[in-house]
Amino acid sequence: MNVFDWLANMELPTGQKPFDMLEVRFKNSRKEFFRNRNNLQLLQGNIVSVEGATGFDVGVVSVAGEVARLQLKKKKMQENDPSIKNILRKSSTGDIERWKEAQELEKKIIVRARILASSMKLDMKINDVEIQADKSQASFYYTAPGRVDFRE
């Protein structure tokens, strides 16, 4: 899932500013683009805190610079898309500790979710759980042969 930045050592043409968006990788192979509005010096592999659905999340920079621009075009996304969130900062030690706590919590929650689904006789298999670094949101990934009724 790593991307080799073959443009990393190239100088930009005179007057051109570095591309202000980066691709950030999260759990498994989920990746999203974020704006670097604060002009942080970020490289591939840096751990960053980004705006989440609620609060913040932590991920690893997978692509920066002009390669990020190419990836954005490849995915048919617009540079001026207002839905693209921001990179908040390079992750602090506290951010990383909370991220690790959330990852440990995922192991317990997936077991509990599977027990709940089984006890409610839901025809589904819970594959994974991803908890946002600030623990304000959890995403459950599952497969099912048909529609699952969660109303109960």
N, C-alpha and C. Protein backbone atom coordinates (compact mmCIF):
# COMPACT_ATOMS: atom_id res chain seq x y z
N MET A 1 0.81 -1.20 0.00
CA MET A 1 0.00 0.00 0.00
C MET A 1 0.85 1.27 0.00
N ASN A 2 2.15 1.11 0.06
CA ASN A 2 3.01 2.29 0.01
C ASN A 2 3.14 2.78 -1.42
N VAL A 3 3.32 4.08 -1.56
CA VAL A 3 3.49 4.69 -2.87
C VAL A 3 4.86 5.33 -2.91
N PHE A 4 5.65 5.01 -3.93
CA PHE A 4 6.97 5.59 -4.05
C PHE A 4 6.85 6.99 -4.65
N ASP A 5 7.39 7.98 -3.96
CA ASP A 5 7.33 9.37 -4.42
C ASP A 5 8.52 9.63 -5.33
N TRP A 6 8.34 9.38 -6.61
CA TRP A 6 9.42 9.53 -7.57
C TRP A 6 9.68 10.99 -7.94
N LEU A 7 8.88 11.93 -7.37
CA LEU A 7 9.10 13.35 -7.61
C LEU A 7 9.69 14.06 -6.39
N ALA A 8 10.00 13.32 -5.33
CA ALA A 8 10.41 13.91 -4.05
C ALA A 8 11.62 14.83 -4.16
N ASN A 9 12.59 14.48 -4.97
CA ASN A 9 13.83 15.28 -5.04
C ASN A 9 13.83 16.29 -6.18
N MET A 10 12.70 16.45 -6.84
CA MET A 10 12.60 17.39 -7.95
C MET A 10 12.26 18.79 -7.41
N GLU A 11 12.87 19.81 -7.98
CA GLU A 11 12.54 21.18 -7.61
C GLU A 11 11.33 21.62 -8.42
N LEU A 12 10.47 22.42 -7.77
CA LEU A 12 9.31 22.96 -8.47
C LEU A 12 9.75 24.12 -9.35
N PRO A 13 9.03 24.37 -10.44
CA PRO A 13 9.36 25.53 -11.27
C PRO A 13 9.28 26.82 -10.45
N THR A 14 10.05 27.79 -10.84
CA THR A 14 10.12 29.06 -10.11
C THR A 14 8.72 29.63 -9.89
N GLY A 15 8.44 29.98 -8.65
CA GLY A 15 7.16 30.61 -8.32
C GLY A 15 6.04 29.64 -8.00
N GLN A 16 6.22 28.37 -8.26
CA GLN A 16 5.15 27.42 -7.99
C GLN A 16 5.21 26.98 -6.53
N LYS A 17 4.06 27.01 -5.86
CA LYS A 17 3.99 26.59 -4.47
C LYS A 17 3.75 25.09 -4.40
N PRO A 18 4.23 24.45 -3.35
CA PRO A 18 3.99 23.01 -3.19
C PRO A 18 2.49 22.72 -3.10
N PHE A 19 2.08 21.58 -3.59
CA PHE A 19 0.67 21.17 -3.55
C PHE A 19 0.25 21.06 -2.09
N ASP A 20 -0.89 21.64 -1.76
CA ASP A 20 -1.31 21.75 -0.35
C ASP A 20 -2.17 20.58 0.13
N MET A 21 -2.20 19.48 -0.60
CA MET A 21 -3.00 18.34 -0.17
C MET A 21 -2.12 17.11 -0.03
N LEU A 22 -2.54 16.24 0.89
CA LEU A 22 -1.82 14.99 1.14
C LEU A 22 -2.82 13.85 1.21
N GLU A 23 -2.34 12.66 0.91
CA GLU A 23 -3.15 11.47 1.09
C GLU A 23 -2.71 10.84 2.42
N VAL A 24 -3.70 10.53 3.26
CA VAL A 24 -3.42 9.96 4.57
C VAL A 24 -4.04 8.57 4.65
N ARG A 25 -3.26 7.61 5.16
CA ARG A 25 -3.69 6.21 5.28
C ARG A 25 -4.12 5.94 6.72
N PHE A 26 -5.22 5.22 6.85
CA PHE A 26 -5.74 4.84 8.15
C PHE A 26 -5.68 3.33 8.28
N LYS A 27 -6.49 2.77 9.14
CA LYS A 27 -6.49 1.32 9.36
C LYS A 27 -6.78 0.59 8.06
N ASN A 28 -6.16 -0.57 7.91
CA ASN A 28 -6.27 -1.38 6.70
C ASN A 28 -5.78 -0.56 5.52
N SER A 29 -6.56 -0.41 4.49
CA SER A 29 -6.07 0.34 3.32
C SER A 29 -6.92 1.57 3.05
N ARG A 30 -7.67 2.02 4.05
CA ARG A 30 -8.51 3.22 3.86
C ARG A 30 -7.62 4.45 3.76
N LYS A 31 -7.83 5.22 2.71
CA LYS A 31 -7.05 6.44 2.47
C LYS A 31 -8.01 7.58 2.15
N GLU A 32 -7.63 8.79 2.56
CA GLU A 32 -8.39 9.98 2.25
C GLU A 32 -7.43 11.13 2.00
N PHE A 33 -7.92 12.15 1.30
CA PHE A 33 -7.12 13.35 1.05
C PHE A 33 -7.47 14.43 2.07
N PHE A 34 -6.43 15.19 2.47
CA PHE A 34 -6.60 16.27 3.43
C PHE A 34 -5.78 17.47 2.98
N ARG A 35 -6.28 18.66 3.32
CA ARG A 35 -5.57 19.91 3.01
C ARG A 35 -4.55 20.22 4.10
N ASN A 36 -3.41 20.72 3.68
CA ASN A 36 -2.35 21.15 4.59
C ASN A 36 -2.40 22.68 4.66
N ARG A 37 -3.46 23.22 5.25
CA ARG A 37 -3.66 24.68 5.29
C ARG A 37 -2.61 25.40 6.14
N ASN A 38 -2.02 24.70 7.09
CA ASN A 38 -1.04 25.32 7.98
C ASN A 38 0.38 25.24 7.43
N ASN A 39 0.52 24.76 6.19
CA ASN A 39 1.83 24.64 5.53
C ASN A 39 2.86 23.91 6.40
N LEU A 40 2.42 22.81 7.01
CA LEU A 40 3.33 21.99 7.81
C LEU A 40 4.30 21.26 6.89
N GLN A 41 5.52 21.09 7.34
CA GLN A 41 6.51 20.32 6.58
C GLN A 41 6.24 18.85 6.84
N LEU A 42 5.52 18.21 5.94
CA LEU A 42 5.12 16.83 6.11
C LEU A 42 5.68 15.96 4.99
N LEU A 43 6.11 14.78 5.38
CA LEU A 43 6.67 13.83 4.44
C LEU A 43 5.94 12.51 4.57
N GLN A 44 6.10 11.66 3.57
CA GLN A 44 5.52 10.33 3.61
C GLN A 44 6.01 9.63 4.88
N GLY A 45 5.08 9.03 5.62
CA GLY A 45 5.43 8.32 6.85
C GLY A 45 5.18 9.12 8.12
N ASN A 46 4.99 10.44 8.00
CA ASN A 46 4.68 11.24 9.18
C ASN A 46 3.31 10.87 9.73
N ILE A 47 3.19 10.87 11.05
CA ILE A 47 1.91 10.61 11.71
C ILE A 47 1.26 11.97 11.95
N VAL A 48 0.01 12.10 11.46
CA VAL A 48 -0.68 13.38 11.53
C VAL A 48 -2.06 13.24 12.17
N SER A 49 -2.52 14.32 12.79
CA SER A 49 -3.87 14.40 13.32
C SER A 49 -4.69 15.19 12.31
N VAL A 50 -5.85 14.64 11.94
CA VAL A 50 -6.69 15.24 10.91
C VAL A 50 -8.11 15.43 11.44
N GLU A 51 -8.85 16.30 10.76
CA GLU A 51 -10.26 16.47 11.10
C GLU A 51 -10.99 15.16 10.85
N GLY A 52 -11.78 14.73 11.81
CA GLY A 52 -12.58 13.53 11.64
C GLY A 52 -14.04 13.91 11.43
N ALA A 53 -14.89 12.91 11.35
CA ALA A 53 -16.33 13.18 11.23
C ALA A 53 -16.78 14.00 12.43
N THR A 54 -16.30 13.61 13.59
CA THR A 54 -16.46 14.39 14.81
C THR A 54 -15.09 14.36 15.47
N GLY A 55 -14.61 15.46 15.98
CA GLY A 55 -13.31 15.46 16.63
C GLY A 55 -12.16 15.29 15.66
N PHE A 56 -11.18 14.45 16.06
CA PHE A 56 -10.01 14.25 15.20
C PHE A 56 -9.68 12.78 15.08
N ASP A 57 -8.90 12.46 14.05
CA ASP A 57 -8.42 11.11 13.84
C ASP A 57 -6.92 11.18 13.58
N VAL A 58 -6.25 10.05 13.64
CA VAL A 58 -4.81 9.99 13.42
C VAL A 58 -4.53 9.01 12.29
N GLY A 59 -3.63 9.40 11.39
CA GLY A 59 -3.25 8.54 10.28
C GLY A 59 -1.81 8.80 9.89
N VAL A 60 -1.37 8.11 8.85
CA VAL A 60 0.01 8.21 8.37
C VAL A 60 -0.01 8.78 6.96
N VAL A 61 0.83 9.78 6.72
CA VAL A 61 0.91 10.37 5.38
C VAL A 61 1.42 9.30 4.42
N SER A 62 0.62 9.02 3.38
CA SER A 62 1.04 8.02 2.40
C SER A 62 1.57 8.67 1.13
N VAL A 63 1.07 9.85 0.79
CA VAL A 63 1.52 10.54 -0.41
C VAL A 63 1.49 12.05 -0.15
N ALA A 64 2.54 12.74 -0.57
CA ALA A 64 2.62 14.19 -0.42
C ALA A 64 3.11 14.79 -1.74
N GLY A 65 2.99 16.09 -1.85
CA GLY A 65 3.53 16.80 -3.01
C GLY A 65 2.78 16.53 -4.31
N GLU A 66 3.52 16.58 -5.41
CA GLU A 66 2.92 16.45 -6.73
C GLU A 66 2.32 15.07 -6.99
N VAL A 67 2.84 14.05 -6.32
CA VAL A 67 2.27 12.71 -6.48
C VAL A 67 0.85 12.71 -5.90
N ALA A 68 0.62 13.47 -4.83
CA ALA A 68 -0.73 13.59 -4.26
C ALA A 68 -1.67 14.22 -5.29
N ARG A 69 -1.18 15.22 -6.02
CA ARG A 69 -2.00 15.85 -7.06
C ARG A 69 -2.38 14.82 -8.14
N LEU A 70 -1.41 14.00 -8.52
CA LEU A 70 -1.68 12.96 -9.53
C LEU A 70 -2.68 11.93 -9.01
N GLN A 71 -2.54 11.52 -7.74
CA GLN A 71 -3.47 10.56 -7.14
C GLN A 71 -4.89 11.15 -7.09
N LEU A 72 -4.97 12.43 -6.77
CA LEU A 72 -6.27 13.11 -6.70
C LEU A 72 -6.96 13.08 -8.06
N LYS A 73 -6.19 13.37 -9.11
CA LYS A 73 -6.74 13.34 -10.48
C LYS A 73 -7.12 11.92 -10.88
N LYS A 74 -6.30 10.96 -10.50
CA LYS A 74 -6.57 9.56 -10.83
C LYS A 74 -7.89 9.10 -10.22
N LYS A 75 -8.20 9.61 -9.04
CA LYS A 75 -9.45 9.25 -8.36
C LYS A 75 -10.61 10.17 -8.75
N LYS A 76 -10.35 11.01 -9.76
CA LYS A 76 -11.37 11.92 -10.31
C LYS A 76 -11.98 12.83 -9.26
N MET A 77 -11.11 13.36 -8.39
CA MET A 77 -11.54 14.31 -7.37
C MET A 77 -11.07 15.70 -7.76
N GLN A 78 -11.80 16.71 -7.34
CA GLN A 78 -11.47 18.09 -7.66
C GLN A 78 -10.64 18.71 -6.52
N GLU A 79 -9.62 19.48 -6.87
CA GLU A 79 -8.77 20.13 -5.88
C GLU A 79 -9.55 21.09 -5.00
N ASN A 80 -10.58 21.73 -5.54
CA ASN A 80 -11.34 22.73 -4.80
C ASN A 80 -12.59 22.14 -4.12
N ASP A 81 -12.66 20.84 -3.98
CA ASP A 81 -13.80 20.18 -3.34
C ASP A 81 -13.90 20.65 -1.88
N PRO A 82 -15.00 21.30 -1.51
CA PRO A 82 -15.13 21.84 -0.14
C PRO A 82 -15.29 20.75 0.94
N SER A 83 -15.56 19.51 0.53
CA SER A 83 -15.73 18.45 1.51
C SER A 83 -14.39 17.87 2.00
N ILE A 84 -13.29 18.28 1.38
CA ILE A 84 -11.98 17.79 1.80
C ILE A 84 -11.60 18.47 3.11
N LYS A 85 -11.34 17.66 4.12
CA LYS A 85 -11.03 18.16 5.46
C LYS A 85 -9.56 18.54 5.57
N ASN A 86 -9.18 19.05 6.74
CA ASN A 86 -7.84 19.60 6.96
C ASN A 86 -6.97 18.72 7.85
N ILE A 87 -5.67 18.85 7.63
CA ILE A 87 -4.70 18.29 8.56
C ILE A 87 -4.60 19.30 9.69
N LEU A 88 -4.73 18.84 10.92
CA LEU A 88 -4.68 19.75 12.05
C LEU A 88 -3.26 20.02 12.51
N ARG A 89 -2.45 18.94 12.59
CA ARG A 89 -1.09 19.08 13.12
C ARG A 89 -0.33 17.76 12.95
N LYS A 90 0.98 17.82 13.16
CA LYS A 90 1.73 16.58 13.33
C LYS A 90 1.26 16.03 14.67
N SER A 91 1.04 14.74 14.73
CA SER A 91 0.50 14.16 15.96
C SER A 91 1.47 14.30 17.12
N SER A 92 0.92 14.69 18.25
CA SER A 92 1.71 14.78 19.48
C SER A 92 1.80 13.40 20.11
N THR A 93 2.63 13.28 21.11
CA THR A 93 2.74 12.01 21.84
C THR A 93 1.39 11.64 22.43
N GLY A 94 0.67 12.63 22.95
CA GLY A 94 -0.66 12.38 23.52
C GLY A 94 -1.64 11.87 22.47
N ASP A 95 -1.60 12.46 21.27
CA ASP A 95 -2.47 12.00 20.17
C ASP A 95 -2.19 10.55 19.84
N ILE A 96 -0.91 10.21 19.76
CA ILE A 96 -0.52 8.84 19.39
C ILE A 96 -0.91 7.86 20.48
N GLU A 97 -0.77 8.25 21.75
CA GLU A 97 -1.18 7.38 22.85
C GLU A 97 -2.68 7.12 22.81
N ARG A 98 -3.49 8.15 22.56
CA ARG A 98 -4.94 7.98 22.46
C ARG A 98 -5.31 7.10 21.27
N TRP A 99 -4.57 7.25 20.17
CA TRP A 99 -4.77 6.43 18.97
C TRP A 99 -4.52 4.95 19.29
N LYS A 100 -3.43 4.69 20.00
CA LYS A 100 -3.09 3.31 20.38
C LYS A 100 -4.15 2.73 21.33
N GLU A 101 -4.66 3.56 22.26
CA GLU A 101 -5.72 3.12 23.17
C GLU A 101 -6.97 2.75 22.37
N ALA A 102 -7.29 3.56 21.38
CA ALA A 102 -8.47 3.28 20.54
C ALA A 102 -8.28 1.97 19.78
N GLN A 103 -7.07 1.71 19.30
CA GLN A 103 -6.80 0.46 18.59
C GLN A 103 -6.95 -0.74 19.51
N GLU A 104 -6.53 -0.62 20.76
CA GLU A 104 -6.69 -1.71 21.73
C GLU A 104 -8.18 -1.92 22.04
N LEU A 105 -8.92 -0.85 22.13
CA LEU A 105 -10.35 -0.92 22.40
C LEU A 105 -11.09 -1.63 21.27
N GLU A 106 -10.61 -1.48 20.04
CA GLU A 106 -11.23 -2.14 18.88
C GLU A 106 -11.28 -3.65 19.06
N LYS A 107 -10.24 -4.22 19.64
CA LYS A 107 -10.17 -5.68 19.82
C LYS A 107 -11.29 -6.17 20.73
N LYS A 108 -11.58 -5.40 21.78
CA LYS A 108 -12.64 -5.78 22.72
C LYS A 108 -14.02 -5.56 22.10
N ILE A 109 -14.15 -4.46 21.38
CA ILE A 109 -15.46 -4.10 20.81
C ILE A 109 -15.88 -5.07 19.71
N ILE A 110 -14.94 -5.55 18.90
CA ILE A 110 -15.32 -6.46 17.82
C ILE A 110 -15.88 -7.77 18.39
N VAL A 111 -15.30 -8.24 19.48
CA VAL A 111 -15.80 -9.46 20.12
C VAL A 111 -17.22 -9.21 20.64
N ARG A 112 -17.41 -8.10 21.32
CA ARG A 112 -18.74 -7.75 21.87
C ARG A 112 -19.77 -7.58 20.76
N ALA A 113 -19.39 -6.95 19.67
CA ALA A 113 -20.31 -6.73 18.54
C ALA A 113 -20.71 -8.06 17.91
N ARG A 114 -19.77 -8.98 17.78
CA ARG A 114 -20.09 -10.30 17.21
C ARG A 114 -21.06 -11.06 18.11
N ILE A 115 -20.85 -10.98 19.42
CA ILE A 115 -21.76 -11.63 20.37
C ILE A 115 -23.16 -11.03 20.27
N LEU A 116 -23.22 -9.70 20.19
CA LEU A 116 -24.51 -9.01 20.06
C LEU A 116 -25.24 -9.40 18.78
N ALA A 117 -24.52 -9.42 17.67
CA ALA A 117 -25.13 -9.78 16.38
C ALA A 117 -25.65 -11.21 16.43
N SER A 118 -24.90 -12.09 17.04
CA SER A 118 -25.31 -13.50 17.14
C SER A 118 -26.53 -13.65 18.05
N SER A 119 -26.51 -12.97 19.19
CA SER A 119 -27.63 -13.09 20.13
C SER A 119 -28.92 -12.48 19.56
N MET A 120 -28.79 -11.50 18.67
CA MET A 120 -29.97 -10.89 18.04
C MET A 120 -30.35 -11.60 16.75
N LYS A 121 -29.61 -12.69 16.45
CA LYS A 121 -29.85 -13.51 15.26
C LYS A 121 -29.83 -12.68 13.96
N LEU A 122 -28.87 -11.77 13.89
CA LEU A 122 -28.68 -10.97 12.67
C LEU A 122 -27.85 -11.79 11.70
N ASP A 123 -28.30 -11.88 10.46
CA ASP A 123 -27.60 -12.66 9.43
C ASP A 123 -26.48 -11.80 8.84
N MET A 124 -25.37 -11.72 9.59
CA MET A 124 -24.25 -10.88 9.18
C MET A 124 -22.98 -11.36 9.86
N LYS A 125 -21.86 -10.97 9.28
CA LYS A 125 -20.56 -11.26 9.88
C LYS A 125 -19.83 -9.93 10.06
N ILE A 126 -19.50 -9.61 11.30
CA ILE A 126 -18.77 -8.37 11.57
C ILE A 126 -17.30 -8.66 11.30
N ASN A 127 -16.75 -7.93 10.33
CA ASN A 127 -15.37 -8.16 9.89
C ASN A 127 -14.35 -7.32 10.64
N ASP A 128 -14.72 -6.07 10.96
CA ASP A 128 -13.75 -5.19 11.58
C ASP A 128 -14.46 -4.02 12.25
N VAL A 129 -13.75 -3.39 13.15
CA VAL A 129 -14.21 -2.18 13.82
C VAL A 129 -13.07 -1.19 13.77
N GLU A 130 -13.38 0.06 13.46
CA GLU A 130 -12.36 1.12 13.47
C GLU A 130 -12.87 2.25 14.34
N ILE A 131 -12.12 2.56 15.39
CA ILE A 131 -12.50 3.63 16.31
C ILE A 131 -11.63 4.84 15.99
N GLN A 132 -12.27 5.99 15.87
CA GLN A 132 -11.55 7.23 15.61
C GLN A 132 -10.61 7.49 16.78
N ALA A 133 -9.46 8.12 16.54
CA ALA A 133 -8.42 8.29 17.55
C ALA A 133 -8.91 8.98 18.82
N ASP A 134 -9.85 9.91 18.70
CA ASP A 134 -10.35 10.58 19.90
C ASP A 134 -11.52 9.83 20.54
N LYS A 135 -11.83 8.64 20.02
CA LYS A 135 -12.86 7.73 20.53
C LYS A 135 -14.27 8.30 20.44
N SER A 136 -14.49 9.26 19.55
CA SER A 136 -15.82 9.86 19.44
C SER A 136 -16.70 9.14 18.41
N GLN A 137 -16.13 8.23 17.64
CA GLN A 137 -16.90 7.54 16.61
C GLN A 137 -16.30 6.16 16.34
N ALA A 138 -17.19 5.20 16.07
CA ALA A 138 -16.75 3.85 15.71
C ALA A 138 -17.43 3.46 14.40
N SER A 139 -16.68 2.83 13.51
CA SER A 139 -17.23 2.33 12.25
C SER A 139 -17.14 0.81 12.29
N PHE A 140 -18.27 0.17 11.98
CA PHE A 140 -18.33 -1.29 11.96
C PHE A 140 -18.40 -1.74 10.51
N TYR A 141 -17.54 -2.67 10.14
CA TYR A 141 -17.50 -3.20 8.78
C TYR A 141 -18.04 -4.63 8.84
N TYR A 142 -18.99 -4.93 7.99
CA TYR A 142 -19.60 -6.26 8.02
C TYR A 142 -19.98 -6.71 6.62
N THR A 143 -20.22 -8.01 6.51
CA THR A 143 -20.76 -8.58 5.27
C THR A 143 -22.03 -9.31 5.63
N ALA A 144 -22.94 -9.33 4.67
CA ALA A 144 -24.22 -10.02 4.88
C ALA A 144 -24.77 -10.43 3.52
N PRO A 145 -25.49 -11.54 3.47
CA PRO A 145 -26.04 -11.98 2.19
C PRO A 145 -27.18 -11.10 1.69
N GLY A 146 -27.75 -10.33 2.59
CA GLY A 146 -28.86 -9.43 2.21
C GLY A 146 -28.90 -8.23 3.13
N ARG A 147 -30.00 -7.51 3.09
CA ARG A 147 -30.19 -6.33 3.91
C ARG A 147 -30.30 -6.74 5.38
N VAL A 148 -29.67 -5.94 6.26
CA VAL A 148 -29.73 -6.21 7.70
C VAL A 148 -30.59 -5.12 8.35
N ASP A 149 -31.55 -5.55 9.15
CA ASP A 149 -32.45 -4.63 9.84
C ASP A 149 -31.87 -4.33 11.23
N PHE A 150 -31.40 -3.08 11.42
CA PHE A 150 -30.78 -2.69 12.68
C PHE A 150 -31.76 -1.99 13.62
N ARG A 151 -33.02 -1.91 13.27
CA ARG A 151 -33.96 -1.13 14.09
C ARG A 151 -34.04 -1.61 15.54
N GLU A 152 -33.93 -2.91 15.74
CA GLU A 152 -34.01 -3.44 17.08
C GLU A 152 -32.81 -3.00 17.89
